Amino acid sequence: MFHPLRHFITITKHRNEVIRLCFKAGIGFQGLFHDLSKYSPTEFIPGAKYYTGTSSPNNGERDAIGYSLAWMHHKGRNKHHFEFWYDYDMATKKIVPMPMPDRYIKEMFCDRVAASKTYNGKAYTQNDPLNYLVKSTAKEKMAESTYNKLLYLLRMLAEKGEKETLAFMKNAKVLPESV
């Protein structure tokens, strides 16, 4: 089924929540540019084609054709995704994760909170983004410092709530790493 209107509403709702969170985290201008590539034909058309409303359409595209061109397009244009931060290591000759700048870790936090709210709806709890991270394989795929900083923020969200975590992020010059 092709659902362009539903997909548009979902990605716009998500983007608006990210913008709101980014302003509270002190990176509002950056938030205004969040996920604009989702409105490009390369991402929007598969998004509408594989729309479910409860999970990423990229998974539907992967199931259908074996990979997600929309995701490859998206992660290559949006610095708040850790997958953007891969480079060639001259010593090992391998592609490895690089540490993300804090401003993009803050946006990644906002993105994950907004995604949890969008997909979980009224069932959302402030533990959801943390649970999603620890159940994923992201730890093996992110630079250690990036993972630890994101984990620190998501634990703070789970323990102290959104308002306190966003205020902390707004005032933090350097994000701490969890231990």
N, C-alpha and C. Protein backbone atom coordinates (compact mmCIF):
# COMPACT_ATOMS: atom_id res chain seq x y z
N MET A 1 0.84 -1.18 0.00
CA MET A 1 0.00 0.00 0.00
C MET A 1 0.89 1.25 0.00
N PHE A 2 0.47 2.27 -0.66
CA PHE A 2 1.21 3.52 -0.75
C PHE A 2 0.52 4.55 0.14
N HIS A 3 1.23 5.08 1.15
CA HIS A 3 0.64 6.00 2.13
C HIS A 3 1.42 7.30 2.23
N PRO A 4 1.43 8.13 1.19
CA PRO A 4 2.23 9.37 1.25
C PRO A 4 1.75 10.33 2.32
N LEU A 5 0.46 10.48 2.51
CA LEU A 5 -0.04 11.43 3.51
C LEU A 5 0.30 10.95 4.92
N ARG A 6 0.06 9.69 5.20
CA ARG A 6 0.38 9.15 6.53
C ARG A 6 1.87 9.24 6.81
N HIS A 7 2.68 8.91 5.81
CA HIS A 7 4.12 8.99 5.99
C HIS A 7 4.55 10.45 6.23
N PHE A 8 4.01 11.36 5.45
CA PHE A 8 4.32 12.78 5.63
C PHE A 8 3.96 13.24 7.04
N ILE A 9 2.80 12.86 7.52
CA ILE A 9 2.36 13.26 8.86
C ILE A 9 3.30 12.67 9.92
N THR A 10 3.67 11.41 9.76
CA THR A 10 4.56 10.76 10.74
C THR A 10 5.93 11.41 10.78
N ILE A 11 6.54 11.61 9.62
CA ILE A 11 7.90 12.19 9.64
C ILE A 11 7.87 13.64 10.08
N THR A 12 6.80 14.35 9.77
CA THR A 12 6.70 15.75 10.19
C THR A 12 6.46 15.84 11.70
N LYS A 13 5.62 14.96 12.23
CA LYS A 13 5.40 14.91 13.69
C LYS A 13 6.73 14.62 14.40
N HIS A 14 7.45 13.63 13.89
CA HIS A 14 8.75 13.28 14.47
C HIS A 14 9.71 14.47 14.40
N ARG A 15 9.81 15.07 13.23
CA ARG A 15 10.73 16.19 13.03
C ARG A 15 10.39 17.36 13.93
N ASN A 16 9.10 17.66 14.07
CA ASN A 16 8.68 18.76 14.95
C ASN A 16 9.05 18.49 16.40
N GLU A 17 8.94 17.24 16.83
CA GLU A 17 9.34 16.90 18.20
C GLU A 17 10.84 17.02 18.36
N VAL A 18 11.61 16.62 17.36
CA VAL A 18 13.07 16.78 17.43
C VAL A 18 13.43 18.26 17.52
N ILE A 19 12.79 19.08 16.72
CA ILE A 19 13.05 20.52 16.76
C ILE A 19 12.77 21.08 18.16
N ARG A 20 11.64 20.69 18.74
CA ARG A 20 11.27 21.15 20.09
C ARG A 20 12.34 20.74 21.10
N LEU A 21 12.74 19.49 21.03
CA LEU A 21 13.76 18.99 21.96
C LEU A 21 15.11 19.67 21.73
N CYS A 22 15.48 19.87 20.48
CA CYS A 22 16.76 20.53 20.18
C CYS A 22 16.81 21.95 20.74
N PHE A 23 15.71 22.68 20.63
CA PHE A 23 15.69 24.03 21.19
C PHE A 23 15.91 23.97 22.70
N LYS A 24 15.29 23.03 23.37
CA LYS A 24 15.45 22.91 24.82
C LYS A 24 16.85 22.42 25.19
N ALA A 25 17.50 21.72 24.26
CA ALA A 25 18.86 21.22 24.51
C ALA A 25 19.93 22.23 24.11
N GLY A 26 19.52 23.38 23.59
CA GLY A 26 20.47 24.43 23.24
C GLY A 26 21.04 24.33 21.83
N ILE A 27 20.44 23.50 20.99
CA ILE A 27 20.90 23.35 19.60
C ILE A 27 19.73 23.56 18.64
N GLY A 28 18.95 24.59 18.92
CA GLY A 28 17.73 24.83 18.15
C GLY A 28 17.95 25.05 16.67
N PHE A 29 18.94 25.83 16.32
CA PHE A 29 19.20 26.10 14.90
C PHE A 29 19.51 24.79 14.17
N GLN A 30 20.30 23.95 14.80
CA GLN A 30 20.63 22.64 14.24
C GLN A 30 19.37 21.80 14.07
N GLY A 31 18.47 21.87 15.04
CA GLY A 31 17.23 21.12 14.98
C GLY A 31 16.36 21.51 13.81
N LEU A 32 16.43 22.77 13.38
CA LEU A 32 15.62 23.22 12.25
C LEU A 32 15.97 22.49 10.95
N PHE A 33 17.19 21.96 10.87
CA PHE A 33 17.63 21.26 9.67
C PHE A 33 17.53 19.73 9.80
N HIS A 34 17.02 19.27 10.93
CA HIS A 34 16.94 17.84 11.22
C HIS A 34 16.09 17.11 10.18
N ASP A 35 16.66 16.05 9.63
CA ASP A 35 15.95 15.10 8.76
C ASP A 35 15.27 15.71 7.53
N LEU A 36 15.76 16.81 7.04
CA LEU A 36 15.16 17.38 5.82
C LEU A 36 15.28 16.42 4.64
N SER A 37 16.28 15.55 4.66
CA SER A 37 16.45 14.60 3.55
C SER A 37 15.29 13.61 3.47
N LYS A 38 14.53 13.44 4.55
CA LYS A 38 13.38 12.52 4.51
C LYS A 38 12.30 12.98 3.53
N TYR A 39 12.34 14.24 3.14
CA TYR A 39 11.36 14.78 2.20
C TYR A 39 11.85 14.68 0.75
N SER A 40 13.08 14.20 0.55
CA SER A 40 13.62 14.02 -0.80
C SER A 40 12.96 12.79 -1.42
N PRO A 41 12.86 12.74 -2.75
CA PRO A 41 12.24 11.56 -3.39
C PRO A 41 12.92 10.24 -3.02
N THR A 42 14.24 10.24 -2.88
CA THR A 42 14.97 9.01 -2.57
C THR A 42 14.52 8.40 -1.25
N GLU A 43 14.17 9.23 -0.29
CA GLU A 43 13.73 8.74 1.01
C GLU A 43 12.21 8.72 1.15
N PHE A 44 11.56 9.74 0.60
CA PHE A 44 10.11 9.87 0.81
C PHE A 44 9.32 8.77 0.10
N ILE A 45 9.66 8.47 -1.13
CA ILE A 45 8.88 7.48 -1.90
C ILE A 45 8.94 6.09 -1.25
N PRO A 46 10.13 5.57 -0.90
CA PRO A 46 10.13 4.28 -0.18
C PRO A 46 9.44 4.39 1.19
N GLY A 47 9.57 5.54 1.84
CA GLY A 47 8.91 5.73 3.12
C GLY A 47 7.40 5.60 3.01
N ALA A 48 6.84 6.17 1.95
CA ALA A 48 5.40 6.08 1.72
C ALA A 48 5.01 4.67 1.28
N LYS A 49 5.86 4.05 0.49
CA LYS A 49 5.57 2.70 -0.03
C LYS A 49 5.57 1.65 1.08
N TYR A 50 6.50 1.76 2.02
CA TYR A 50 6.65 0.76 3.08
C TYR A 50 6.15 1.25 4.43
N TYR A 51 5.35 2.26 4.44
CA TYR A 51 4.82 2.85 5.67
C TYR A 51 3.97 1.83 6.44
N THR A 52 4.20 1.75 7.76
CA THR A 52 3.33 0.95 8.63
C THR A 52 2.76 1.79 9.76
N GLY A 53 3.48 2.84 10.16
CA GLY A 53 3.04 3.66 11.28
C GLY A 53 3.56 3.20 12.62
N THR A 54 4.12 1.99 12.67
CA THR A 54 4.61 1.46 13.94
C THR A 54 6.10 1.13 13.92
N SER A 55 6.71 1.16 12.73
CA SER A 55 8.14 0.89 12.64
C SER A 55 8.71 1.61 11.42
N SER A 56 10.02 1.62 11.33
CA SER A 56 10.67 2.32 10.24
C SER A 56 10.35 1.68 8.89
N PRO A 57 9.95 2.48 7.91
CA PRO A 57 9.72 1.92 6.58
C PRO A 57 11.00 1.37 5.94
N ASN A 58 12.16 1.78 6.47
CA ASN A 58 13.42 1.25 5.94
C ASN A 58 13.49 -0.27 6.10
N ASN A 59 12.90 -0.78 7.18
CA ASN A 59 12.89 -2.24 7.37
C ASN A 59 12.01 -2.92 6.32
N GLY A 60 10.92 -2.29 5.95
CA GLY A 60 10.07 -2.82 4.88
C GLY A 60 10.80 -2.86 3.56
N GLU A 61 11.56 -1.80 3.29
CA GLU A 61 12.35 -1.77 2.06
C GLU A 61 13.42 -2.86 2.08
N ARG A 62 14.05 -3.07 3.23
CA ARG A 62 15.06 -4.13 3.36
C ARG A 62 14.43 -5.51 3.11
N ASP A 63 13.26 -5.73 3.69
CA ASP A 63 12.57 -7.00 3.48
C ASP A 63 12.23 -7.22 2.02
N ALA A 64 11.83 -6.16 1.34
CA ALA A 64 11.38 -6.28 -0.06
C ALA A 64 12.52 -6.45 -1.05
N ILE A 65 13.62 -5.70 -0.88
CA ILE A 65 14.67 -5.73 -1.90
C ILE A 65 16.06 -6.10 -1.37
N GLY A 66 16.15 -6.33 -0.04
CA GLY A 66 17.42 -6.78 0.52
C GLY A 66 18.30 -5.69 1.10
N TYR A 67 17.95 -4.46 0.88
CA TYR A 67 18.69 -3.32 1.44
C TYR A 67 17.77 -2.12 1.41
N SER A 68 18.19 -1.04 2.08
CA SER A 68 17.38 0.17 2.08
C SER A 68 18.18 1.31 1.48
N LEU A 69 17.87 1.64 0.26
CA LEU A 69 18.49 2.79 -0.40
C LEU A 69 18.14 4.08 0.34
N ALA A 70 16.91 4.15 0.85
CA ALA A 70 16.49 5.33 1.61
C ALA A 70 17.38 5.52 2.84
N TRP A 71 17.67 4.43 3.56
CA TRP A 71 18.53 4.53 4.74
C TRP A 71 19.95 4.93 4.37
N MET A 72 20.49 4.33 3.30
CA MET A 72 21.85 4.67 2.90
C MET A 72 21.94 6.15 2.52
N HIS A 73 20.91 6.65 1.87
CA HIS A 73 20.84 8.07 1.51
C HIS A 73 20.77 8.90 2.79
N HIS A 74 19.91 8.49 3.72
CA HIS A 74 19.67 9.26 4.94
C HIS A 74 20.91 9.34 5.83
N LYS A 75 21.52 8.21 6.11
CA LYS A 75 22.66 8.21 7.04
C LYS A 75 23.88 8.94 6.45
N GLY A 76 23.94 9.03 5.14
CA GLY A 76 25.05 9.72 4.51
C GLY A 76 24.90 11.23 4.47
N ARG A 77 23.74 11.74 4.90
CA ARG A 77 23.47 13.17 4.86
C ARG A 77 23.12 13.78 6.20
N ASN A 78 23.05 12.96 7.22
CA ASN A 78 22.60 13.43 8.54
C ASN A 78 23.61 13.04 9.61
N LYS A 79 24.32 14.03 10.11
CA LYS A 79 25.44 13.81 11.02
C LYS A 79 25.01 13.37 12.42
N HIS A 80 23.72 13.34 12.70
CA HIS A 80 23.26 12.86 14.00
C HIS A 80 23.13 11.34 14.03
N HIS A 81 23.47 10.67 12.94
CA HIS A 81 23.48 9.21 12.91
C HIS A 81 24.93 8.72 13.03
N PHE A 82 25.15 7.82 13.98
CA PHE A 82 26.53 7.36 14.18
C PHE A 82 27.09 6.70 12.92
N GLU A 83 26.22 6.17 12.08
CA GLU A 83 26.68 5.52 10.85
C GLU A 83 27.33 6.51 9.88
N PHE A 84 27.03 7.78 10.03
CA PHE A 84 27.67 8.83 9.22
C PHE A 84 29.17 8.89 9.54
N TRP A 85 29.50 8.60 10.80
CA TRP A 85 30.85 8.81 11.32
C TRP A 85 31.74 7.57 11.19
N TYR A 86 31.83 7.04 9.99
CA TYR A 86 32.74 5.94 9.69
C TYR A 86 33.79 6.47 8.72
N ASP A 87 35.03 6.03 8.94
CA ASP A 87 36.10 6.43 8.04
C ASP A 87 37.13 5.31 7.96
N TYR A 88 38.00 5.47 7.02
CA TYR A 88 39.08 4.53 6.76
C TYR A 88 40.20 4.77 7.75
N ASP A 89 40.60 3.73 8.48
CA ASP A 89 41.71 3.82 9.42
C ASP A 89 43.00 3.49 8.67
N MET A 90 43.91 4.43 8.62
CA MET A 90 45.13 4.26 7.85
C MET A 90 46.01 3.13 8.40
N ALA A 91 45.99 2.92 9.71
CA ALA A 91 46.84 1.89 10.30
C ALA A 91 46.30 0.48 10.04
N THR A 92 45.00 0.31 10.23
CA THR A 92 44.41 -1.04 10.10
C THR A 92 43.87 -1.33 8.71
N LYS A 93 43.70 -0.27 7.92
CA LYS A 93 43.11 -0.39 6.57
C LYS A 93 41.64 -0.87 6.62
N LYS A 94 40.96 -0.59 7.74
CA LYS A 94 39.56 -0.97 7.91
C LYS A 94 38.69 0.28 8.06
N ILE A 95 37.42 0.11 7.76
CA ILE A 95 36.44 1.17 8.02
C ILE A 95 36.02 1.05 9.47
N VAL A 96 36.17 2.13 10.23
CA VAL A 96 35.91 2.09 11.67
C VAL A 96 35.07 3.30 12.09
N PRO A 97 34.38 3.18 13.24
CA PRO A 97 33.61 4.32 13.74
C PRO A 97 34.52 5.39 14.32
N MET A 98 34.16 6.63 14.07
CA MET A 98 34.88 7.78 14.60
C MET A 98 34.04 8.41 15.73
N PRO A 99 34.67 9.06 16.69
CA PRO A 99 33.89 9.74 17.73
C PRO A 99 33.06 10.87 17.13
N MET A 100 31.84 10.99 17.58
CA MET A 100 30.95 12.06 17.11
C MET A 100 31.16 13.32 17.94
N PRO A 101 31.10 14.49 17.32
CA PRO A 101 31.09 15.74 18.09
C PRO A 101 29.85 15.79 18.99
N ASP A 102 29.99 16.41 20.14
CA ASP A 102 28.90 16.46 21.12
C ASP A 102 27.60 17.04 20.56
N ARG A 103 27.70 18.04 19.69
CA ARG A 103 26.48 18.66 19.17
C ARG A 103 25.63 17.66 18.40
N TYR A 104 26.27 16.69 17.73
CA TYR A 104 25.51 15.68 17.00
C TYR A 104 25.03 14.56 17.92
N ILE A 105 25.76 14.31 19.00
CA ILE A 105 25.28 13.36 20.01
C ILE A 105 24.01 13.92 20.65
N LYS A 106 24.00 15.22 20.92
CA LYS A 106 22.80 15.85 21.47
C LYS A 106 21.62 15.71 20.51
N GLU A 107 21.86 15.92 19.23
CA GLU A 107 20.79 15.76 18.25
C GLU A 107 20.36 14.30 18.15
N MET A 108 21.32 13.37 18.24
CA MET A 108 20.98 11.95 18.20
C MET A 108 20.09 11.59 19.40
N PHE A 109 20.39 12.13 20.56
CA PHE A 109 19.55 11.93 21.74
C PHE A 109 18.13 12.42 21.45
N CYS A 110 18.01 13.64 20.95
CA CYS A 110 16.70 14.21 20.64
C CYS A 110 15.96 13.36 19.61
N ASP A 111 16.68 12.87 18.62
CA ASP A 111 16.11 12.02 17.57
C ASP A 111 15.57 10.73 18.17
N ARG A 112 16.32 10.11 19.05
CA ARG A 112 15.91 8.84 19.65
C ARG A 112 14.71 9.02 20.57
N VAL A 113 14.68 10.11 21.32
CA VAL A 113 13.53 10.38 22.19
C VAL A 113 12.29 10.62 21.33
N ALA A 114 12.44 11.44 20.30
CA ALA A 114 11.30 11.73 19.42
C ALA A 114 10.82 10.48 18.70
N ALA A 115 11.73 9.62 18.26
CA ALA A 115 11.34 8.39 17.58
C ALA A 115 10.57 7.47 18.54
N SER A 116 11.04 7.37 19.77
CA SER A 116 10.33 6.55 20.77
C SER A 116 8.93 7.09 21.02
N LYS A 117 8.81 8.41 21.10
CA LYS A 117 7.50 9.01 21.31
C LYS A 117 6.59 8.78 20.10
N THR A 118 7.15 8.92 18.91
CA THR A 118 6.36 8.76 17.69
C THR A 118 5.88 7.33 17.53
N TYR A 119 6.77 6.36 17.69
CA TYR A 119 6.40 4.96 17.46
C TYR A 119 5.64 4.34 18.63
N ASN A 120 5.91 4.78 19.86
CA ASN A 120 5.24 4.19 21.02
C ASN A 120 3.95 4.91 21.41
N GLY A 121 3.77 6.13 20.90
CA GLY A 121 2.55 6.88 21.17
C GLY A 121 2.28 7.06 22.65
N LYS A 122 1.07 6.81 23.06
CA LYS A 122 0.66 7.01 24.46
C LYS A 122 1.35 6.04 25.42
N ALA A 123 1.90 4.97 24.89
CA ALA A 123 2.60 3.99 25.73
C ALA A 123 4.04 4.41 26.04
N TYR A 124 4.50 5.53 25.47
CA TYR A 124 5.88 6.00 25.67
C TYR A 124 6.18 6.21 27.15
N THR A 125 7.38 5.77 27.56
CA THR A 125 7.92 6.11 28.87
C THR A 125 9.33 6.66 28.67
N GLN A 126 9.83 7.38 29.63
CA GLN A 126 11.17 7.95 29.50
C GLN A 126 12.26 6.89 29.56
N ASN A 127 11.91 5.64 29.80
CA ASN A 127 12.87 4.53 29.74
C ASN A 127 13.01 3.97 28.33
N ASP A 128 12.05 4.24 27.46
CA ASP A 128 12.03 3.62 26.13
C ASP A 128 13.30 3.86 25.30
N PRO A 129 13.80 5.11 25.20
CA PRO A 129 15.01 5.31 24.38
C PRO A 129 16.22 4.55 24.94
N LEU A 130 16.35 4.48 26.26
CA LEU A 130 17.45 3.73 26.88
C LEU A 130 17.30 2.24 26.59
N ASN A 131 16.10 1.72 26.77
CA ASN A 131 15.86 0.30 26.50
C ASN A 131 16.17 -0.05 25.05
N TYR A 132 15.79 0.82 24.14
CA TYR A 132 16.05 0.58 22.72
C TYR A 132 17.56 0.52 22.46
N LEU A 133 18.31 1.43 23.07
CA LEU A 133 19.76 1.45 22.87
C LEU A 133 20.41 0.18 23.41
N VAL A 134 20.11 -0.19 24.65
CA VAL A 134 20.82 -1.32 25.25
C VAL A 134 20.42 -2.66 24.62
N LYS A 135 19.25 -2.74 24.01
CA LYS A 135 18.84 -3.97 23.33
C LYS A 135 19.43 -4.06 21.91
N SER A 136 19.94 -2.95 21.41
CA SER A 136 20.47 -2.91 20.05
C SER A 136 21.92 -3.39 20.02
N THR A 137 22.46 -3.44 18.82
CA THR A 137 23.87 -3.79 18.64
C THR A 137 24.72 -2.54 18.44
N ALA A 138 24.18 -1.38 18.79
CA ALA A 138 24.87 -0.11 18.54
C ALA A 138 26.22 -0.02 19.26
N LYS A 139 26.33 -0.63 20.42
CA LYS A 139 27.58 -0.54 21.17
C LYS A 139 28.76 -1.05 20.36
N GLU A 140 28.55 -2.11 19.59
CA GLU A 140 29.64 -2.66 18.77
C GLU A 140 29.89 -1.83 17.53
N LYS A 141 28.98 -0.92 17.20
CA LYS A 141 29.08 -0.18 15.95
C LYS A 141 29.46 1.29 16.12
N MET A 142 29.35 1.80 17.34
CA MET A 142 29.68 3.21 17.61
C MET A 142 31.09 3.30 18.18
N ALA A 143 31.68 4.48 18.02
CA ALA A 143 32.91 4.76 18.75
C ALA A 143 32.57 4.69 20.24
N GLU A 144 33.47 4.17 21.04
CA GLU A 144 33.19 3.96 22.46
C GLU A 144 32.75 5.25 23.16
N SER A 145 33.43 6.35 22.88
CA SER A 145 33.08 7.60 23.54
C SER A 145 31.69 8.07 23.14
N THR A 146 31.31 7.87 21.88
CA THR A 146 29.97 8.25 21.41
C THR A 146 28.92 7.44 22.15
N TYR A 147 29.10 6.13 22.21
CA TYR A 147 28.15 5.27 22.89
C TYR A 147 28.02 5.67 24.36
N ASN A 148 29.16 5.88 25.02
CA ASN A 148 29.14 6.21 26.45
C ASN A 148 28.45 7.54 26.73
N LYS A 149 28.64 8.52 25.88
CA LYS A 149 27.98 9.81 26.07
C LYS A 149 26.47 9.69 25.85
N LEU A 150 26.08 8.97 24.82
CA LEU A 150 24.65 8.76 24.58
C LEU A 150 24.03 7.97 25.73
N LEU A 151 24.71 6.96 26.18
CA LEU A 151 24.22 6.15 27.30
C LEU A 151 24.05 7.01 28.55
N TYR A 152 25.00 7.88 28.82
CA TYR A 152 24.92 8.79 29.96
C TYR A 152 23.64 9.63 29.89
N LEU A 153 23.38 10.21 28.72
CA LEU A 153 22.19 11.06 28.55
C LEU A 153 20.90 10.25 28.66
N LEU A 154 20.86 9.07 28.09
CA LEU A 154 19.65 8.26 28.14
C LEU A 154 19.38 7.73 29.55
N ARG A 155 20.44 7.43 30.29
CA ARG A 155 20.26 7.04 31.70
C ARG A 155 19.73 8.21 32.51
N MET A 156 20.25 9.40 32.23
CA MET A 156 19.77 10.58 32.93
C MET A 156 18.29 10.81 32.63
N LEU A 157 17.91 10.65 31.38
CA LEU A 157 16.51 10.78 31.01
C LEU A 157 15.65 9.79 31.78
N ALA A 158 16.08 8.54 31.84
CA ALA A 158 15.31 7.50 32.53
C ALA A 158 15.18 7.79 34.02
N GLU A 159 16.25 8.34 34.61
CA GLU A 159 16.27 8.56 36.06
C GLU A 159 15.71 9.92 36.49
N LYS A 160 16.01 10.97 35.70
CA LYS A 160 15.67 12.32 36.14
C LYS A 160 14.63 13.01 35.29
N GLY A 161 14.33 12.46 34.11
CA GLY A 161 13.29 13.03 33.27
C GLY A 161 13.82 13.94 32.18
N GLU A 162 12.90 14.28 31.30
CA GLU A 162 13.24 15.05 30.10
C GLU A 162 13.67 16.48 30.42
N LYS A 163 12.94 17.15 31.27
CA LYS A 163 13.23 18.55 31.56
C LYS A 163 14.65 18.72 32.12
N GLU A 164 15.00 17.91 33.09
CA GLU A 164 16.32 18.03 33.71
C GLU A 164 17.43 17.62 32.73
N THR A 165 17.20 16.59 31.94
CA THR A 165 18.21 16.14 30.99
C THR A 165 18.46 17.18 29.91
N LEU A 166 17.40 17.77 29.37
CA LEU A 166 17.57 18.80 28.34
C LEU A 166 18.26 20.04 28.91
N ALA A 167 17.93 20.42 30.14
CA ALA A 167 18.60 21.56 30.78
C ALA A 167 20.09 21.27 30.96
N PHE A 168 20.40 20.04 31.37
CA PHE A 168 21.80 19.64 31.50
C PHE A 168 22.52 19.75 30.15
N MET A 169 21.89 19.23 29.11
CA MET A 169 22.49 19.26 27.78
C MET A 169 22.73 20.69 27.31
N LYS A 170 21.78 21.55 27.59
CA LYS A 170 21.90 22.96 27.18
C LYS A 170 23.11 23.63 27.82
N ASN A 171 23.40 23.26 29.06
CA ASN A 171 24.48 23.90 29.81
C ASN A 171 25.81 23.18 29.72
N ALA A 172 25.82 21.94 29.21
CA ALA A 172 27.05 21.16 29.16
C ALA A 172 27.95 21.64 28.02
N LYS A 173 29.15 22.02 28.37
CA LYS A 173 30.12 22.40 27.35
C LYS A 173 30.70 21.14 26.69
N VAL A 174 30.92 20.12 27.51
CA VAL A 174 31.41 18.82 27.04
C VAL A 174 30.54 17.75 27.69
N LEU A 175 30.06 16.82 26.90
CA LEU A 175 29.24 15.75 27.45
C LEU A 175 30.12 14.73 28.17
N PRO A 176 29.69 14.32 29.36
CA PRO A 176 30.45 13.30 30.07
C PRO A 176 30.17 11.90 29.51
N GLU A 177 31.09 11.00 29.76
CA GLU A 177 30.90 9.61 29.37
C GLU A 177 30.46 8.83 30.59
N SER A 178 29.50 7.94 30.41
CA SER A 178 29.08 7.10 31.54
C SER A 178 30.18 6.10 31.85
N VAL A 179 30.13 5.58 33.03
CA VAL A 179 31.13 4.59 33.44
C VAL A 179 30.50 3.24 33.65
